[in-house]
C-alpha cells in the first residue's frame, strides 16, 4: 500500500529528505555535516530531517532551513496505523531526493520511510552486515537509485556520513571537527564559581562507570568549584543509583532542556561524562571534556577519528583484547557493568581531571 501510494506522489517534486535514525548523540553529531547533504539541492528547496522523537531536542543545532520530522520508531514498527500516518506525511512532502544516511539501517523503518517519499532519486550507503535484516535489506536494493560503497574498514559514524556525502556530491571536503557554530549556541551563564559538570547517565546501564567515581570527583573538587550534575527528565527515576550524587551536599542538579545545557557546558571549567549525547554536546560546545567510555564502541563511536578530533576532549577508554564488541560482551557483567570499565578507577580519573584543569586555557 505504501509503495503504491508513493508511486502517485505529488508532481513537481522539490527538496531533500534525510533519514537519520541514530539516537540523540548521533543527531548532535549529524548537525556538523548536514550542510554537505544540503548541497545536493538548490538554495530555495526545502530540507527535511527524519529523526527519532527524542532527537528533536537537538533542533537548535541545525540551520533554520532544516525542518525536523520526529518519529516514534517503536510505534512505527508495531502500530500499523501510526506507520501509515507517518508514511502519508512523508509522501505529501513531495521530496525530490531521499537519503537514508546510516550505515546500520533498519529495513522496517529507514527503507520504508525512503520509499514512502515517492522521491525521484533515493540513495543510501551499502548497509553494514546485520544477519537479522540482511535478506530484507538486499530485497530492497531496487528501491534505491544507488548505494554508495563505504570503506570496508571500521569507521566512526560521522566518517560514514562524510563518505556518503562525498559519493553523492562527487567530491571530497575536509572532515568536520566536532565544534558547533557559536551562533547556534546561547551565551554561557555568569556563575559565582567555576563549574565542573558531571554526567554519569547512559541509556545503556552496562556502559556506565562505577557511580562512586563521580561521587569521589565531587568530593575532590567541591571546595574550589561548583559541582553540577546534568540529568535528563527521567534519568534519576530510571537510574536511581545516581541519586546519591544528586543528594551530595553542594551538588546542583541541572534538568533543563538541551539548549540550556549546551550554554552551561560552554562555560564549564571541566565536563566529565560517560559516552553519551551530553559528551558530544560538551565537546561541540568547546568545553574541556573528559569522556569515560567502555571499550565496546571503539572506532564506531569513541575515540573520535583523528580528522574530526578537536583539542578540547580527552577519551579514557580501557585497553582490552575484546574491544569493539559493540555491546555483545563476552564476559559476565561486574556490578551490572562491562568488565572493562573496572579499569576506570577513581585514582586514574582524578589524575586525568586534575591534568585537564591545570592545562592552559584553550582558545575558541
Protein backbone atom coordinates (compact mmCIF):
# COMPACT_ATOMS: atom_id res chain seq x y z
CA UNK A 1 0.00 0.00 0.00
CA UNK A 2 2.78 2.42 0.94
CA UNK A 3 4.66 1.77 -2.29
CA UNK A 4 1.51 2.17 -4.39
CA UNK A 5 0.64 5.49 -2.75
CA UNK A 6 4.23 6.73 -3.04
CA UNK A 7 4.16 5.98 -6.76
CA UNK A 8 1.32 8.52 -7.03
CA UNK A 9 3.21 11.18 -5.08
CA UNK A 10 2.77 14.82 -5.96
CA UNK A 11 4.18 16.15 -9.20
CA UNK A 12 6.68 18.99 -9.33
CA UNK A 13 8.86 17.45 -6.61
CA UNK A 14 11.28 19.66 -4.72
CA UNK A 15 13.57 19.36 -1.75
CA UNK A 16 15.69 16.87 0.17
CA UNK A 17 14.51 14.27 2.67
CA UNK A 18 17.18 12.87 5.01
CA UNK A 19 16.62 9.97 7.39
CA UNK A 20 18.99 9.85 10.40
CA UNK A 21 17.90 7.07 12.70
CA UNK A 22 20.54 7.13 15.42
CA UNK A 23 19.96 8.34 18.95
CA UNK A 24 20.28 11.86 20.30
CA UNK A 25 24.08 11.72 20.28
CA UNK A 26 24.09 10.81 16.58
CA UNK A 27 21.71 13.67 15.80
CA UNK A 28 24.00 16.09 17.64
CA UNK A 29 26.94 14.95 15.50
CA UNK A 30 24.87 14.90 12.31
CA UNK A 31 24.35 18.65 12.70
CA UNK A 32 28.05 19.05 11.84
CA UNK A 33 27.71 17.54 8.37
CA UNK A 34 24.15 18.20 7.21
CA UNK A 35 25.31 21.16 5.12
CA UNK A 36 27.19 18.72 2.85
CA UNK A 37 23.96 16.91 2.05
CA UNK A 38 22.08 20.19 1.61
CA UNK A 39 24.44 20.99 -1.28
CA UNK A 40 22.58 18.34 -3.29
CA UNK A 41 19.58 20.64 -3.72
CA UNK A 42 19.06 24.28 -4.62
CA UNK A 43 19.18 27.05 -2.03
CA UNK A 44 15.44 27.58 -2.28
CA UNK A 45 14.46 23.92 -1.94
CA UNK A 46 13.16 22.64 1.41
CA UNK A 47 15.14 20.21 3.57
CA UNK A 48 13.51 17.72 5.93
CA UNK A 49 15.26 15.53 8.51
CA UNK A 50 13.53 12.44 9.91
CA UNK A 51 14.80 11.62 13.43
CA UNK A 52 13.75 9.65 16.45
CA UNK A 53 11.33 11.73 18.51
CA UNK A 54 13.81 12.22 21.37
CA UNK A 55 16.29 13.79 18.95
CA UNK A 56 14.02 16.78 18.39
CA UNK A 57 15.80 18.27 21.42
CA UNK A 58 18.85 18.94 19.21
CA UNK A 59 16.94 21.07 16.69
CA UNK A 60 18.71 24.25 17.82
CA UNK A 61 22.00 22.95 16.37
CA UNK A 62 20.62 22.80 12.82
CA UNK A 63 20.11 25.54 10.24
CA UNK A 64 16.66 27.11 10.37
CA UNK A 65 16.03 25.78 6.88
CA UNK A 66 16.03 22.20 8.19
CA UNK A 67 12.59 21.03 9.26
CA UNK A 68 12.71 18.07 11.65
CA UNK A 69 10.15 15.27 11.46
CA UNK A 70 10.16 13.34 14.76
CA UNK A 71 9.10 9.69 14.56
CA UNK A 72 8.43 7.19 17.33
CA UNK A 73 10.34 4.24 15.88
CA UNK A 74 8.85 1.71 18.27
CA UNK A 75 5.31 2.71 17.28
CA UNK A 76 6.30 2.82 13.60
CA UNK A 77 7.31 -0.84 13.79
CA UNK A 78 4.45 -2.07 15.97
CA UNK A 79 1.47 0.17 15.15
CA UNK A 80 0.29 -0.11 11.51
CA UNK A 81 -1.96 2.95 11.64
CA UNK A 82 0.81 5.10 13.10
CA UNK A 83 3.18 3.84 10.40
CA UNK A 84 0.64 4.61 7.69
CA UNK A 85 0.14 8.13 9.05
CA UNK A 86 3.88 8.85 9.08
CA UNK A 87 4.32 7.48 5.56
CA UNK A 88 1.43 9.61 4.28
CA UNK A 89 3.05 12.67 5.80
CA UNK A 90 6.35 11.80 4.12
CA UNK A 91 4.67 11.23 0.74
CA UNK A 92 2.86 14.55 0.93
CA UNK A 93 6.15 16.44 1.33
CA UNK A 94 6.91 15.84 -2.33
CA UNK A 95 10.67 15.45 -1.86
CA UNK A 96 12.82 15.24 -4.97
CA UNK A 97 15.71 13.36 -3.31
CA UNK A 98 15.51 10.98 -0.34
CA UNK A 99 18.56 9.65 1.51
CA UNK A 100 18.91 7.08 4.29
CA UNK A 101 22.13 8.24 5.94
CA UNK A 102 23.06 5.46 8.36
CA UNK A 103 25.41 2.55 7.70
CA UNK A 104 23.40 0.33 10.07
CA UNK A 105 19.94 0.60 8.53
CA UNK A 106 16.58 -0.84 9.55
CA UNK A 107 14.64 -2.14 6.55
CA UNK A 108 11.44 -1.90 8.58
CA UNK A 109 11.87 1.83 9.24
CA UNK A 110 14.57 3.59 7.20
CA UNK A 111 13.79 1.84 3.92
CA UNK A 112 10.04 2.23 4.41
CA UNK A 113 10.36 5.96 5.03
CA UNK A 114 12.57 6.43 1.97
CA UNK A 115 10.27 4.52 -0.37
CA UNK A 116 7.20 6.26 1.03
CA UNK A 117 8.65 9.60 -0.06
CA UNK A 118 8.00 8.90 -3.73
CA UNK A 119 11.20 10.83 -4.47
CA UNK A 120 12.70 10.79 -7.94
CA UNK A 121 16.07 9.72 -6.52
CA UNK A 122 16.76 7.56 -3.46
CA UNK A 123 20.22 6.95 -2.00
CA UNK A 124 21.91 5.16 0.90
CA UNK A 125 25.14 3.55 1.99
CA UNK A 126 25.56 -0.08 1.18
CA UNK A 127 24.39 -1.41 4.57
CA UNK A 128 26.61 -2.82 7.26
CA UNK A 129 26.09 -6.60 7.63
CA UNK A 130 23.24 -7.36 10.02
CA UNK A 131 22.24 -11.06 9.92
CA UNK A 132 18.75 -10.39 11.25
CA UNK A 133 17.98 -7.96 8.43
CA UNK A 134 20.41 -8.74 5.60
CA UNK A 135 17.83 -10.54 3.47
CA UNK A 136 15.28 -7.72 3.70
CA UNK A 137 17.90 -5.05 3.05
CA UNK A 138 19.06 -6.81 -0.10
CA UNK A 139 15.46 -7.29 -1.22
CA UNK A 140 15.04 -3.50 -1.03
CA UNK A 141 18.06 -2.78 -3.22
CA UNK A 142 15.89 -1.91 -6.22
CA UNK A 143 14.10 0.74 -4.16
CA UNK A 144 17.25 2.86 -4.39
CA UNK A 145 18.72 4.75 -7.30
CA UNK A 146 22.14 3.83 -5.95
CA UNK A 147 24.03 2.64 -2.90
CA UNK A 148 27.35 4.29 -2.04
CA UNK A 149 30.05 1.79 -1.06
CA UNK A 150 31.88 2.85 2.13
CA UNK A 151 35.44 1.96 3.05
CA UNK A 152 35.33 -1.68 4.27
CA UNK A 153 37.36 -0.86 7.39
CA UNK A 154 35.54 0.00 10.62
CA UNK A 155 34.94 3.75 10.84
CA UNK A 156 33.28 6.35 13.04
CA UNK A 157 29.66 7.04 12.13
CA UNK A 158 30.42 10.67 11.22
CA UNK A 159 33.05 9.40 8.79
CA UNK A 160 30.39 7.16 7.22
CA UNK A 161 28.14 10.20 6.67
CA UNK A 162 31.13 12.02 5.16
CA UNK A 163 31.77 9.09 2.80
CA UNK A 164 28.12 9.06 1.73
CA UNK A 165 28.06 12.81 1.08
CA UNK A 166 31.33 12.59 -0.86
CA UNK A 167 29.96 9.77 -3.00
CA UNK A 168 26.79 11.67 -3.82
CA UNK A 169 28.48 15.00 -4.49
CA UNK A 170 31.40 13.52 -6.40
CA UNK A 171 33.99 15.47 -4.44
CA UNK A 172 35.65 15.50 -1.03
CA UNK A 173 35.67 18.21 1.61
CA UNK A 174 37.54 18.21 4.91
CA UNK A 175 36.01 16.07 7.64
CA UNK A 176 34.28 18.47 10.06
CA UNK A 177 35.76 18.73 13.52
CA UNK A 178 33.38 18.37 16.45
CA UNK A 179 32.77 22.06 17.01
CA UNK A 180 29.42 23.81 16.70
CA UNK A 181 28.81 27.12 15.02
CA UNK A 182 28.81 29.55 18.01
CA UNK A 183 25.80 31.34 16.52
CA UNK A 184 23.72 28.23 17.22
CA UNK A 185 24.54 28.37 20.95
CA UNK A 186 23.31 30.58 23.76
CA UNK A 187 25.84 32.51 25.84
CA UNK A 188 27.21 30.70 28.87
CA UNK A 189 25.56 31.85 32.12
CA UNK A 190 27.52 34.01 34.56
CA UNK A 191 28.38 31.99 37.68
CA UNK A 192 29.80 32.85 41.09
CA UNK A 193 32.31 29.98 40.92
CA UNK A 194 33.77 27.96 38.06
CA UNK A 195 31.77 24.83 37.41
CA UNK A 196 32.65 21.18 36.99
CA UNK A 197 29.81 19.36 35.28
CA UNK A 198 29.30 15.63 35.80
CA UNK A 199 27.11 13.38 33.66
CA UNK A 200 27.05 9.76 34.86
CA UNK A 201 23.98 8.60 32.89
CA UNK A 202 23.90 6.34 29.87
CA UNK A 203 20.80 4.90 28.22
CA UNK A 204 22.64 1.57 28.46
CA UNK A 205 23.42 0.96 32.14
CA UNK A 206 26.17 -1.53 31.35
CA UNK A 207 28.21 1.33 29.82
CA UNK A 208 28.28 3.45 32.98
CA UNK A 209 31.35 3.69 35.20
CA UNK A 210 31.06 2.99 38.92
CA UNK A 211 28.87 5.77 40.44
CA UNK A 212 31.46 6.08 43.21
CA UNK A 213 33.88 7.63 40.72
CA UNK A 214 31.57 10.62 40.24
CA UNK A 215 30.98 10.97 43.98
CA UNK A 216 34.74 11.00 44.53
CA UNK A 217 35.11 13.67 41.86
CA UNK A 218 32.56 15.82 43.68
CA UNK A 219 34.39 15.30 46.98
CA UNK A 220 37.75 16.18 45.45
CA UNK A 221 36.74 19.44 43.78
CA UNK A 222 33.82 20.85 45.77
CA UNK A 223 35.96 23.34 47.72
CA UNK A 224 37.10 25.17 44.58
CA UNK A 225 34.32 24.51 42.08
CA UNK A 226 30.56 24.41 41.90
CA UNK A 227 29.70 20.79 41.12
CA UNK A 228 26.80 20.33 38.72
CA UNK A 229 25.17 17.04 37.75
CA UNK A 230 23.25 17.14 34.48
CA UNK A 231 20.28 14.83 34.07
CA UNK A 232 17.51 14.28 31.57
CA UNK A 233 13.86 14.47 32.69
CA UNK A 234 13.69 10.73 33.53
CA UNK A 235 17.33 9.90 34.24
CA UNK A 236 17.15 9.73 38.03
CA UNK A 237 13.89 7.76 38.00
CA UNK A 238 15.40 5.31 35.51
CA UNK A 239 18.80 5.13 37.23
CA UNK A 240 18.31 5.71 40.99
CA UNK A 241 21.87 4.50 41.60
CA UNK A 242 22.95 8.09 40.85
CA UNK A 243 20.62 9.65 43.42
CA UNK A 244 23.50 9.66 45.92
CA UNK A 245 25.36 12.13 43.71
CA UNK A 246 22.22 14.23 43.28
CA UNK A 247 21.85 14.36 47.08
CA UNK A 248 25.51 15.17 47.65
CA UNK A 249 25.87 18.41 49.67
CA UNK A 250 26.61 21.29 47.34
CA UNK A 251 25.79 19.46 44.10
CA UNK A 252 23.40 21.30 41.80
CA UNK A 253 21.19 19.14 39.56
CA UNK A 254 20.53 20.58 36.10
CA UNK A 255 17.43 19.13 34.42
CA UNK A 256 16.95 21.95 31.91
CA UNK A 257 16.45 21.41 28.19
CA UNK A 258 19.33 20.51 25.90
CA UNK A 259 19.81 24.03 24.56
CA UNK A 260 20.17 25.44 28.09
CA UNK A 261 22.55 22.61 28.99
CA UNK A 262 24.69 23.45 25.95
CA UNK A 263 25.05 27.02 27.20
CA UNK A 264 26.06 25.82 30.65
CA UNK A 265 28.52 23.32 29.22
CA UNK A 266 30.03 26.10 27.15
CA UNK A 267 31.18 27.89 30.30
CA UNK A 268 32.37 24.86 32.28
CA UNK A 269 35.89 24.50 33.62
CA UNK A 270 35.58 20.74 33.07
CA UNK A 271 32.94 18.26 31.98
CA UNK A 272 33.25 14.60 32.94
CA UNK A 273 30.76 12.36 31.13
CA UNK A 274 30.23 8.80 30.07
CA UNK A 275 29.95 8.09 26.33
CA UNK A 276 26.56 9.62 25.63
CA UNK A 277 24.84 12.59 23.97
CA UNK A 278 25.90 15.09 26.66
CA UNK A 279 29.53 14.21 25.96
CA UNK A 280 29.16 15.05 22.25
CA UNK A 281 27.28 18.23 23.15
CA UNK A 282 30.01 19.26 25.57
CA UNK A 283 32.80 18.70 23.06
CA UNK A 284 30.97 20.59 20.31
CA UNK A 285 30.28 23.48 22.68
CA UNK A 286 34.01 23.79 23.31
CA UNK A 287 34.16 22.68 26.96
CA UNK A 288 37.21 20.83 28.29
CA UNK A 289 35.71 17.35 28.28
CA UNK A 290 36.79 14.05 29.81
CA UNK A 291 34.92 11.07 28.37
CA UNK A 292 34.81 7.88 30.45
CA UNK A 293 33.94 5.14 27.97
CA UNK A 294 33.80 1.38 27.78
CA UNK A 295 35.77 -0.37 25.06
CA UNK A 296 32.58 -1.67 23.43
CA UNK A 297 32.26 1.01 20.77
CA UNK A 298 35.89 1.63 19.89
CA UNK A 299 36.16 3.38 16.48
CA UNK A 300 32.39 3.25 15.85
CA UNK A 301 31.77 5.93 18.48
CA UNK A 302 34.87 6.70 20.52
CA UNK A 303 37.52 7.95 20.41
CA UNK A 304 36.76 10.32 17.56
CA UNK A 305 38.52 9.80 14.25
CA UNK A 306 41.66 11.96 14.25
CA UNK A 307 40.28 14.02 11.36
CA UNK A 308 37.28 15.15 13.42
CA UNK A 309 39.06 15.42 16.79
CA UNK A 310 39.14 18.86 18.45
CA UNK A 311 41.71 19.63 21.13
CA UNK A 312 39.24 20.05 24.00
CA UNK A 313 38.37 16.36 24.55
CA UNK A 314 40.21 13.54 26.29
CA UNK A 315 38.98 9.96 25.99
CA UNK A 316 39.69 7.44 28.73
CA UNK A 317 39.00 4.04 27.18
CA UNK A 318 40.01 0.69 28.75
CA UNK A 319 42.60 -1.38 26.93
CA UNK A 320 41.28 -4.90 26.45
CA UNK A 321 41.63 -7.62 23.82
CA UNK A 322 37.90 -7.82 23.14
CA UNK A 323 37.49 -4.09 22.43
CA UNK A 324 34.94 -3.26 19.75
CA UNK A 325 32.32 -5.79 20.80
CA UNK A 326 29.52 -3.28 20.05
CA UNK A 327 27.78 -4.32 23.25
CA UNK A 328 27.98 -8.07 22.67
CA UNK A 329 30.18 -8.52 25.74
CA UNK A 330 31.71 -11.99 26.13
CA UNK A 331 32.39 -11.52 29.85
CA UNK A 332 30.00 -11.67 32.79
CA UNK A 333 28.93 -8.23 33.94
CA UNK A 334 30.63 -6.90 37.06
CA UNK A 335 28.22 -4.97 39.30
CA UNK A 336 25.94 -4.55 36.29
CA UNK A 337 28.70 -3.05 34.10
CA UNK A 338 31.03 -4.20 31.36
CA UNK A 339 34.14 -5.70 32.92
CA UNK A 340 36.45 -3.33 31.06
CA UNK A 341 35.02 -0.34 32.93
CA UNK A 342 36.71 -1.60 36.08
CA UNK A 343 39.91 -0.09 34.66
CA UNK A 344 38.45 3.41 35.10
CA UNK A 345 39.12 3.92 38.80
CA UNK A 346 38.81 6.98 40.99
CA UNK A 347 42.59 7.37 41.11
CA UNK A 348 43.21 7.45 37.36
CA UNK A 349 40.11 9.54 36.61
CA UNK A 350 41.03 12.10 39.28
CA UNK A 351 44.56 12.25 37.95
CA UNK A 352 43.35 12.95 34.42
CA UNK A 353 40.78 15.51 35.62
CA UNK A 354 43.47 17.43 37.53
CA UNK A 355 45.71 17.34 34.48
CA UNK A 356 42.99 18.87 32.30
CA UNK A 357 42.15 21.56 34.87
CA UNK A 358 45.82 22.51 35.13
CA UNK A 359 46.28 22.81 31.36
CA UNK A 360 46.43 26.27 29.74
CA UNK A 361 43.02 27.65 28.78
CA UNK A 362 42.14 26.72 25.21
CA UNK A 363 41.04 29.41 22.78
CA UNK A 364 37.82 29.17 20.76
